Structure formats: structure tokens, C-alpha cells
N, C-alpha and C. Protein backbone atom coordinates (compact mmCIF):
# COMPACT_ATOMS: atom_id res chain seq x y z
N MET A 1 177.28 145.34 101.07
CA MET A 1 176.77 144.08 100.61
C MET A 1 177.49 143.68 99.33
N THR A 2 177.82 142.47 99.29
CA THR A 2 178.55 142.00 98.12
C THR A 2 177.56 141.50 97.08
N MET A 3 178.05 141.28 95.94
CA MET A 3 177.25 140.80 94.82
C MET A 3 176.71 139.40 95.11
N LEU A 4 177.53 138.61 95.76
CA LEU A 4 177.12 137.24 96.09
C LEU A 4 175.98 137.27 97.08
N THR A 5 176.02 138.12 98.06
CA THR A 5 174.95 138.24 99.06
C THR A 5 173.67 138.68 98.38
N LEU A 6 173.80 139.60 97.44
CA LEU A 6 172.64 140.09 96.70
C LEU A 6 172.01 138.97 95.88
N GLN A 7 172.83 138.14 95.26
CA GLN A 7 172.32 137.02 94.47
C GLN A 7 171.64 135.98 95.37
N ILE A 8 172.21 135.74 96.54
CA ILE A 8 171.63 134.78 97.49
C ILE A 8 170.28 135.30 97.98
N ASP A 9 170.20 136.60 98.28
CA ASP A 9 168.93 137.19 98.73
C ASP A 9 167.86 137.10 97.64
N GLU A 10 168.25 137.37 96.40
CA GLU A 10 167.30 137.27 95.28
C GLU A 10 166.82 135.83 95.10
N ARG A 11 167.79 134.91 95.22
CA ARG A 11 167.45 133.49 95.10
C ARG A 11 166.50 133.07 96.20
N ASP A 12 166.79 133.47 97.44
CA ASP A 12 165.93 133.14 98.58
C ASP A 12 164.54 133.74 98.40
N SER A 13 164.49 134.96 97.89
CA SER A 13 163.22 135.63 97.64
C SER A 13 162.44 134.88 96.55
N LEU A 14 163.14 134.49 95.51
CA LEU A 14 162.51 133.73 94.42
C LEU A 14 162.02 132.38 94.91
N ILE A 15 162.82 131.71 95.73
CA ILE A 15 162.42 130.41 96.30
C ILE A 15 161.18 130.59 97.17
N ALA A 16 161.14 131.62 97.98
CA ALA A 16 159.98 131.89 98.84
C ALA A 16 158.74 132.15 97.99
N GLN A 17 158.91 132.93 96.92
CA GLN A 17 157.79 133.22 96.03
C GLN A 17 157.29 131.94 95.35
N LEU A 18 158.23 131.11 94.91
CA LEU A 18 157.85 129.84 94.26
C LEU A 18 157.14 128.91 95.25
N LYS A 19 157.58 128.92 96.51
CA LYS A 19 156.91 128.10 97.53
C LYS A 19 155.48 128.57 97.75
N ARG A 20 155.29 129.91 97.79
CA ARG A 20 153.94 130.46 97.96
C ARG A 20 153.05 130.06 96.76
N GLU A 21 153.60 130.16 95.56
CA GLU A 21 152.86 129.78 94.36
C GLU A 21 152.53 128.29 94.37
N LEU A 22 153.49 127.49 94.82
CA LEU A 22 153.26 126.05 94.93
C LEU A 22 152.16 125.75 95.94
N ASP A 23 152.18 126.44 97.09
CA ASP A 23 151.12 126.27 98.09
C ASP A 23 149.76 126.66 97.51
N THR A 24 149.74 127.77 96.77
CA THR A 24 148.49 128.20 96.14
C THR A 24 147.99 127.14 95.15
N CYS A 25 148.92 126.64 94.35
CA CYS A 25 148.56 125.59 93.38
C CYS A 25 148.06 124.33 94.08
N ASN A 26 148.73 123.95 95.18
CA ASN A 26 148.29 122.78 95.93
C ASN A 26 146.89 122.99 96.51
N ASN A 27 146.64 124.18 97.04
CA ASN A 27 145.30 124.49 97.57
C ASN A 27 144.24 124.42 96.47
N LYS A 28 144.56 124.99 95.32
CA LYS A 28 143.62 124.94 94.19
C LYS A 28 143.39 123.50 93.74
N TYR A 29 144.48 122.70 93.75
CA TYR A 29 144.36 121.30 93.36
C TYR A 29 143.41 120.56 94.31
N VAL A 30 143.54 120.81 95.61
CA VAL A 30 142.65 120.19 96.60
C VAL A 30 141.20 120.63 96.35
N GLU A 31 141.02 121.93 96.07
CA GLU A 31 139.67 122.42 95.77
C GLU A 31 139.08 121.73 94.55
N VAL A 32 139.91 121.55 93.53
CA VAL A 32 139.46 120.88 92.31
C VAL A 32 139.11 119.42 92.60
N GLN A 33 139.91 118.75 93.42
CA GLN A 33 139.62 117.36 93.79
C GLN A 33 138.29 117.27 94.53
N ILE A 34 138.07 118.21 95.46
CA ILE A 34 136.81 118.21 96.22
C ILE A 34 135.64 118.46 95.28
N SER A 35 135.78 119.43 94.38
CA SER A 35 134.72 119.73 93.41
C SER A 35 134.46 118.52 92.51
N THR A 36 135.52 117.87 92.08
CA THR A 36 135.38 116.69 91.23
C THR A 36 134.65 115.58 91.98
N ALA A 37 135.01 115.37 93.24
CA ALA A 37 134.34 114.34 94.04
C ALA A 37 132.86 114.66 94.21
N ASN A 38 132.55 115.94 94.45
CA ASN A 38 131.15 116.35 94.59
C ASN A 38 130.39 116.13 93.28
N LEU A 39 131.02 116.48 92.17
CA LEU A 39 130.37 116.29 90.87
C LEU A 39 130.15 114.80 90.58
N GLU A 40 131.14 113.98 90.95
CA GLU A 40 130.99 112.54 90.75
C GLU A 40 129.84 111.98 91.59
N LYS A 41 129.69 112.48 92.82
CA LYS A 41 128.57 112.06 93.67
C LYS A 41 127.24 112.46 93.04
N ARG A 42 127.19 113.71 92.56
CA ARG A 42 125.96 114.18 91.92
C ARG A 42 125.63 113.38 90.67
N LEU A 43 126.67 113.06 89.90
CA LEU A 43 126.48 112.24 88.70
C LEU A 43 125.98 110.85 89.06
N HIS A 44 126.55 110.28 90.10
CA HIS A 44 126.12 108.95 90.56
C HIS A 44 124.66 109.00 91.02
N ASN A 45 124.30 110.05 91.78
CA ASN A 45 122.91 110.20 92.22
C ASN A 45 121.97 110.38 91.03
N ALA A 46 122.41 111.15 90.05
CA ALA A 46 121.60 111.36 88.84
C ALA A 46 121.42 110.04 88.09
N ASP A 47 122.49 109.25 87.99
CA ASP A 47 122.39 107.94 87.34
C ASP A 47 121.40 107.04 88.06
N ASN A 48 121.46 107.05 89.40
CA ASN A 48 120.52 106.25 90.18
C ASN A 48 119.08 106.72 89.97
N GLU A 49 118.90 108.02 89.92
CA GLU A 49 117.56 108.57 89.71
C GLU A 49 117.04 108.20 88.32
N ILE A 50 117.91 108.28 87.32
CA ILE A 50 117.52 107.89 85.96
C ILE A 50 117.13 106.42 85.93
N ALA A 51 117.90 105.59 86.60
CA ALA A 51 117.59 104.15 86.64
C ALA A 51 116.24 103.92 87.32
N ALA A 52 116.00 104.62 88.42
CA ALA A 52 114.72 104.47 89.13
C ALA A 52 113.57 104.95 88.25
N LEU A 53 113.75 106.06 87.57
CA LEU A 53 112.69 106.57 86.70
C LEU A 53 112.45 105.63 85.51
N THR A 54 113.52 105.03 85.01
CA THR A 54 113.37 104.07 83.92
C THR A 54 112.57 102.85 84.38
N GLU A 55 112.86 102.37 85.58
CA GLU A 55 112.11 101.24 86.12
C GLU A 55 110.64 101.62 86.34
N LEU A 56 110.41 102.83 86.84
CA LEU A 56 109.05 103.31 87.04
C LEU A 56 108.31 103.39 85.71
N LYS A 57 108.99 103.89 84.68
CA LYS A 57 108.39 103.98 83.36
C LYS A 57 108.02 102.60 82.84
N LYS A 58 108.93 101.63 83.02
CA LYS A 58 108.65 100.25 82.60
C LYS A 58 107.44 99.71 83.34
N SER A 59 107.40 99.96 84.64
CA SER A 59 106.29 99.49 85.47
C SER A 59 104.97 100.10 85.00
N LYS A 60 104.99 101.41 84.77
CA LYS A 60 103.77 102.10 84.30
C LYS A 60 103.36 101.58 82.93
N SER A 61 104.34 101.32 82.08
CA SER A 61 104.05 100.79 80.75
C SER A 61 103.40 99.42 80.85
N LEU A 62 103.93 98.57 81.75
CA LEU A 62 103.33 97.25 81.96
C LEU A 62 101.91 97.38 82.50
N GLN A 63 101.71 98.33 83.43
CA GLN A 63 100.37 98.55 83.97
C GLN A 63 99.41 98.96 82.86
N LEU A 64 99.86 99.87 81.99
CA LEU A 64 99.01 100.31 80.89
C LEU A 64 98.72 99.15 79.94
N ASP A 65 99.75 98.34 79.65
CA ASP A 65 99.54 97.17 78.79
C ASP A 65 98.51 96.24 79.40
N ASN A 66 98.62 96.01 80.72
CA ASN A 66 97.67 95.14 81.40
C ASN A 66 96.27 95.74 81.37
N GLN A 67 96.18 97.07 81.61
CA GLN A 67 94.88 97.73 81.57
C GLN A 67 94.25 97.64 80.18
N GLU A 68 95.08 97.82 79.15
CA GLU A 68 94.58 97.72 77.78
C GLU A 68 94.10 96.30 77.49
N ARG A 69 94.86 95.31 77.96
CA ARG A 69 94.46 93.92 77.74
C ARG A 69 93.15 93.62 78.44
N VAL A 70 93.04 94.07 79.69
CA VAL A 70 91.81 93.86 80.45
C VAL A 70 90.65 94.57 79.76
N GLN A 71 90.91 95.79 79.26
CA GLN A 71 89.86 96.54 78.57
C GLN A 71 89.41 95.80 77.31
N ARG A 72 90.36 95.26 76.54
CA ARG A 72 90.00 94.49 75.35
C ARG A 72 89.19 93.26 75.72
N ASP A 73 89.65 92.54 76.76
CA ASP A 73 88.93 91.35 77.22
C ASP A 73 87.52 91.73 77.65
N THR A 74 87.40 92.82 78.40
CA THR A 74 86.10 93.27 78.89
C THR A 74 85.21 93.68 77.72
N ASP A 75 85.77 94.40 76.76
CA ASP A 75 85.01 94.79 75.58
C ASP A 75 84.52 93.57 74.82
N GLY A 76 85.39 92.58 74.70
CA GLY A 76 85.01 91.34 74.01
C GLY A 76 83.87 90.63 74.73
N ARG A 77 83.98 90.55 76.05
CA ARG A 77 82.92 89.90 76.83
C ARG A 77 81.61 90.69 76.72
N LEU A 78 81.72 92.01 76.75
CA LEU A 78 80.54 92.85 76.64
C LEU A 78 79.87 92.64 75.29
N GLN A 79 80.64 92.60 74.21
CA GLN A 79 80.08 92.37 72.89
C GLN A 79 79.41 91.00 72.80
N THR A 80 80.05 90.00 73.40
CA THR A 80 79.48 88.65 73.41
C THR A 80 78.16 88.64 74.19
N ALA A 81 78.17 89.31 75.34
CA ALA A 81 76.95 89.37 76.16
C ALA A 81 75.84 90.14 75.44
N GLN A 82 76.20 91.22 74.73
CA GLN A 82 75.19 91.99 73.99
C GLN A 82 74.60 91.15 72.86
N ALA A 83 75.46 90.40 72.17
CA ALA A 83 74.97 89.52 71.10
C ALA A 83 74.04 88.46 71.67
N ALA A 84 74.41 87.87 72.81
CA ALA A 84 73.56 86.86 73.45
C ALA A 84 72.24 87.48 73.89
N LEU A 85 72.28 88.71 74.40
CA LEU A 85 71.06 89.40 74.82
C LEU A 85 70.14 89.63 73.62
N LYS A 86 70.71 90.05 72.50
CA LYS A 86 69.89 90.25 71.29
C LYS A 86 69.23 88.95 70.86
N LYS A 87 69.99 87.85 70.92
CA LYS A 87 69.42 86.55 70.57
C LYS A 87 68.27 86.21 71.50
N LEU A 88 68.48 86.46 72.80
CA LEU A 88 67.42 86.18 73.77
C LEU A 88 66.20 87.07 73.53
N GLU A 89 66.43 88.32 73.18
CA GLU A 89 65.31 89.22 72.91
C GLU A 89 64.52 88.75 71.69
N LEU A 90 65.26 88.32 70.65
CA LEU A 90 64.58 87.78 69.46
C LEU A 90 63.79 86.51 69.80
N GLU A 91 64.43 85.65 70.59
CA GLU A 91 63.75 84.41 71.03
C GLU A 91 62.51 84.77 71.84
N HIS A 92 62.63 85.76 72.71
CA HIS A 92 61.50 86.20 73.53
C HIS A 92 60.38 86.74 72.64
N ALA A 93 60.75 87.56 71.64
CA ALA A 93 59.75 88.11 70.73
C ALA A 93 59.04 86.99 69.98
N LYS A 94 59.80 85.98 69.53
CA LYS A 94 59.20 84.84 68.83
C LYS A 94 58.26 84.09 69.76
N LEU A 95 58.70 83.88 71.01
CA LEU A 95 57.84 83.16 71.96
C LEU A 95 56.57 83.95 72.27
N GLN A 96 56.69 85.27 72.37
CA GLN A 96 55.50 86.10 72.61
C GLN A 96 54.54 86.01 71.43
N ALA A 97 55.11 86.08 70.22
CA ALA A 97 54.27 85.97 69.03
C ALA A 97 53.59 84.61 69.01
N ASN A 98 54.35 83.59 69.33
CA ASN A 98 53.79 82.22 69.40
C ASN A 98 52.69 82.16 70.45
N HIS A 99 52.95 82.78 71.58
CA HIS A 99 51.99 82.79 72.67
C HIS A 99 50.69 83.46 72.24
N HIS A 100 50.81 84.62 71.57
CA HIS A 100 49.63 85.32 71.10
C HIS A 100 48.88 84.50 70.05
N GLN A 101 49.65 83.84 69.18
CA GLN A 101 49.01 82.98 68.17
C GLN A 101 48.27 81.84 68.84
N LEU A 102 48.91 81.24 69.83
CA LEU A 102 48.25 80.12 70.54
C LEU A 102 47.01 80.62 71.28
N LYS A 103 47.07 81.82 71.86
CA LYS A 103 45.91 82.38 72.54
C LYS A 103 44.75 82.58 71.57
N LYS A 104 45.10 83.09 70.37
CA LYS A 104 44.06 83.29 69.35
C LYS A 104 43.43 81.96 68.97
N GLU A 105 44.30 80.97 68.70
CA GLU A 105 43.80 79.66 68.32
C GLU A 105 42.95 79.05 69.44
N PHE A 106 43.42 79.19 70.67
CA PHE A 106 42.67 78.67 71.80
C PHE A 106 41.31 79.37 71.91
N HIS A 107 41.32 80.68 71.71
CA HIS A 107 40.10 81.46 71.79
C HIS A 107 39.13 81.01 70.68
N LEU A 108 39.68 80.78 69.48
CA LEU A 108 38.86 80.32 68.37
C LEU A 108 38.29 78.93 68.65
N VAL A 109 39.11 78.08 69.24
CA VAL A 109 38.67 76.73 69.56
C VAL A 109 37.56 76.79 70.60
N ARG A 110 37.69 77.69 71.56
CA ARG A 110 36.69 77.83 72.61
C ARG A 110 35.39 78.37 72.04
N ILE A 111 35.52 79.25 71.10
CA ILE A 111 34.32 79.84 70.49
C ILE A 111 33.60 78.80 69.65
N SER A 112 34.33 77.98 68.94
CA SER A 112 33.68 77.04 68.06
C SER A 112 33.17 75.81 68.74
């Protein structure tokens, strides 16, 4: 074997090794692309879920605001009704006292 043949064989061996390494790198690159695509899908899904949860939170917040408003309105109406009831009770007590006074006077008039 001549020196030139030996150099050609080494070169061919090196080229074959470099091709194998290139194939390995290409395969790893494809794997990385697939992983990246999967991660991007997961990120997109997570973004959508965050958006949905944010909307749900806004909706729940609005519901709570509405419930609080209704509760305040109801409390106000209840206080107004209680005040009106107290007035009616006082009026009733006055009328009863008046009634008893009139009964006494009537009884006195009947006696005399």
C-alpha cells in the first residue's frame, strides 16, 4: 500500500465519520424541533387556560359585585320597612291608648 492510498483511506474514513456525526446532529435537531413544537403547543394551551380563568374570575367578581349591591339594596329596604313598622307600632299604641281613654270617657258618660 502506498502512502497516497493510506491517506485516501483515512480521508474516506474521516468523511464517513463526519457523515455519521452529521446524521446524528440532524436527528437531534429534528428531536429539538419536535420538542420545541410540543412546548409551544403547551404554552399556547396554558395561555388559553389563563385567559379562560381570567374571564371566569372577572365573571365571578361581577357576580359578587352584583350580589353585594343586591344585599345593600335589600338591607336598605329592610331598614326602611323596620322603621315604617316601628312608626306603625307607635301609631297603633297611640290609637289603643286613645281607644282606652275614649272607653273610659264613654263609661263615665254612661254612668253619669
